Amino acid sequence: MGYSYGYGRTGLYRSRDGILFGICRGIAEYFDISVFWTRVIVLVSFILTGFFPVGAAYLLAVLLMKPEPRYRY
């Protein structure tokens, strides 16, 4: 979903199919990596560092990242 019909990357968007605002799925699709491992890395980072660094970055990403377009042109 990070590609647009062979025309290259479309950009970094929040996925509409994600669990919690679609941030992890959007990042995984953009970098073409597993969404499972993206979520594991975010969860482990959240637990090890506490709320402030990872939680604040996640909330900032929710506010700044645009949702994935409904239709690709």
C-alpha atoms as a PDB file:
ATOM      1  CA  MET A   1       0.000   0.000   0.000  1.00  0.00           C
ATOM      2  CA  GLY A   2       3.026   2.280   0.249  1.00  0.00           C
ATOM      3  CA  TYR A   3       3.322   2.236  -3.544  1.00  0.00           C
ATOM      4  CA  SER A   4       1.048   3.761  -6.136  1.00  0.00           C
ATOM      5  CA  TYR A   5       0.672   1.332  -9.037  1.00  0.00           C
ATOM      6  CA  GLY A   6       4.381   1.216  -9.854  1.00  0.00           C
ATOM      7  CA  TYR A   7       4.914   4.968  -9.802  1.00  0.00           C
ATOM      8  CA  GLY A   8       7.051   4.994  -6.634  1.00  0.00           C
ATOM      9  CA  ARG A   9       6.258   5.951  -3.081  1.00  0.00           C
ATOM     10  CA  THR A  10       3.190   8.038  -2.457  1.00  0.00           C
ATOM     11  CA  GLY A  11       4.300   9.580   0.824  1.00  0.00           C
ATOM     12  CA  LEU A  12       4.071   8.936   4.528  1.00  0.00           C
ATOM     13  CA  TYR A  13       0.453   8.671   5.639  1.00  0.00           C
ATOM     14  CA  ARG A  14      -1.523   7.306   8.582  1.00  0.00           C
ATOM     15  CA  SER A  15      -3.088   4.067   7.420  1.00  0.00           C
ATOM     16  CA  ARG A  16      -6.872   3.772   7.468  1.00  0.00           C
ATOM     17  CA  ASP A  17      -6.510   0.060   8.351  1.00  0.00           C
ATOM     18  CA  GLY A  18      -4.374   0.581  11.463  1.00  0.00           C
ATOM     19  CA  ILE A  19      -5.224  -0.364  15.019  1.00  0.00           C
ATOM     20  CA  LEU A  20      -4.455   2.851  16.917  1.00  0.00           C
ATOM     21  CA  PHE A  21      -4.631   5.809  14.509  1.00  0.00           C
ATOM     22  CA  GLY A  22      -2.686   3.850  11.850  1.00  0.00           C
ATOM     23  CA  ILE A  23       0.729   5.305  12.648  1.00  0.00           C
ATOM     24  CA  CYS A  24       2.674   2.024  12.855  1.00  0.00           C
ATOM     25  CA  ARG A  25       1.006   0.565   9.758  1.00  0.00           C
ATOM     26  CA  GLY A  26       1.644   3.766   7.801  1.00  0.00           C
ATOM     27  CA  ILE A  27       5.335   3.736   8.743  1.00  0.00           C
ATOM     28  CA  ALA A  28       5.628   0.018   7.943  1.00  0.00           C
ATOM     29  CA  GLU A  29       4.014   0.474   4.530  1.00  0.00           C
ATOM     30  CA  TYR A  30       6.188   3.480   3.722  1.00  0.00           C
ATOM     31  CA  PHE A  31       9.436   1.659   4.529  1.00  0.00           C
ATOM     32  CA  ASP A  32       8.110  -1.675   3.201  1.00  0.00           C
ATOM     33  CA  ILE A  33       8.716  -3.577   6.454  1.00  0.00           C
ATOM     34  CA  SER A  34       6.536  -5.808   8.619  1.00  0.00           C
ATOM     35  CA  VAL A  35       3.865  -3.982  10.593  1.00  0.00           C
ATOM     36  CA  PHE A  36       4.253  -6.578  13.369  1.00  0.00           C
ATOM     37  CA  TRP A  37       7.890  -5.665  13.969  1.00  0.00           C
ATOM     38  CA  THR A  38       7.116  -1.956  13.740  1.00  0.00           C
ATOM     39  CA  ARG A  39       4.530  -2.353  16.501  1.00  0.00           C
ATOM     40  CA  VAL A  40       6.900  -4.475  18.608  1.00  0.00           C
ATOM     41  CA  ILE A  41       9.640  -1.837  18.343  1.00  0.00           C
ATOM     42  CA  VAL A  42       7.235   0.956  19.299  1.00  0.00           C
ATOM     43  CA  LEU A  43       5.791  -1.029  22.221  1.00  0.00           C
ATOM     44  CA  VAL A  44       9.208  -2.046  23.601  1.00  0.00           C
ATOM     45  CA  SER A  45      10.472   1.537  23.218  1.00  0.00           C
ATOM     46  CA  PHE A  46       7.374   2.812  25.003  1.00  0.00           C
ATOM     47  CA  ILE A  47       7.877   0.399  27.917  1.00  0.00           C
ATOM     48  CA  LEU A  48      11.626   0.993  28.266  1.00  0.00           C
ATOM     49  CA  THR A  49      11.606   4.796  27.989  1.00  0.00           C
ATOM     50  CA  GLY A  50       8.310   5.635  29.620  1.00  0.00           C
ATOM     51  CA  PHE A  51       5.556   7.780  28.194  1.00  0.00           C
ATOM     52  CA  PHE A  52       7.335  11.023  27.413  1.00  0.00           C
ATOM     53  CA  PRO A  53       9.675  10.364  24.489  1.00  0.00           C
ATOM     54  CA  VAL A  54       7.801   7.670  22.558  1.00  0.00           C
ATOM     55  CA  GLY A  55       4.278   8.612  23.623  1.00  0.00           C
ATOM     56  CA  ALA A  56       4.837  12.267  22.821  1.00  0.00           C
ATOM     57  CA  ALA A  57       6.342  11.392  19.423  1.00  0.00           C
ATOM     58  CA  TYR A  58       3.382   9.099  18.685  1.00  0.00           C
ATOM     59  CA  LEU A  59       0.858  11.795  19.589  1.00  0.00           C
ATOM     60  CA  LEU A  60       2.791  14.310  17.513  1.00  0.00           C
ATOM     61  CA  ALA A  61       2.703  11.893  14.566  1.00  0.00           C
ATOM     62  CA  VAL A  62      -1.073  11.511  15.011  1.00  0.00           C
ATOM     63  CA  LEU A  63      -1.476  15.271  14.775  1.00  0.00           C
ATOM     64  CA  LEU A  64       0.961  15.891  11.900  1.00  0.00           C
ATOM     65  CA  MET A  65       0.565  12.898   9.569  1.00  0.00           C
ATOM     66  CA  LYS A  66      -2.210  13.087   7.000  1.00  0.00           C
ATOM     67  CA  PRO A  67      -4.577  10.130   6.666  1.00  0.00           C
ATOM     68  CA  GLU A  68      -4.037   7.823   3.713  1.00  0.00           C
ATOM     69  CA  PRO A  69      -5.969   9.014   0.640  1.00  0.00           C
ATOM     70  CA  ARG A  70      -9.144   7.043   0.018  1.00  0.00           C
ATOM     71  CA  TYR A  71      -8.459   6.759  -3.708  1.00  0.00           C
ATOM     72  CA  ARG A  72      -5.162   6.604  -5.554  1.00  0.00           C
ATOM     73  CA  TYR A  73      -4.928   8.480  -8.819  1.00  0.00           C
END
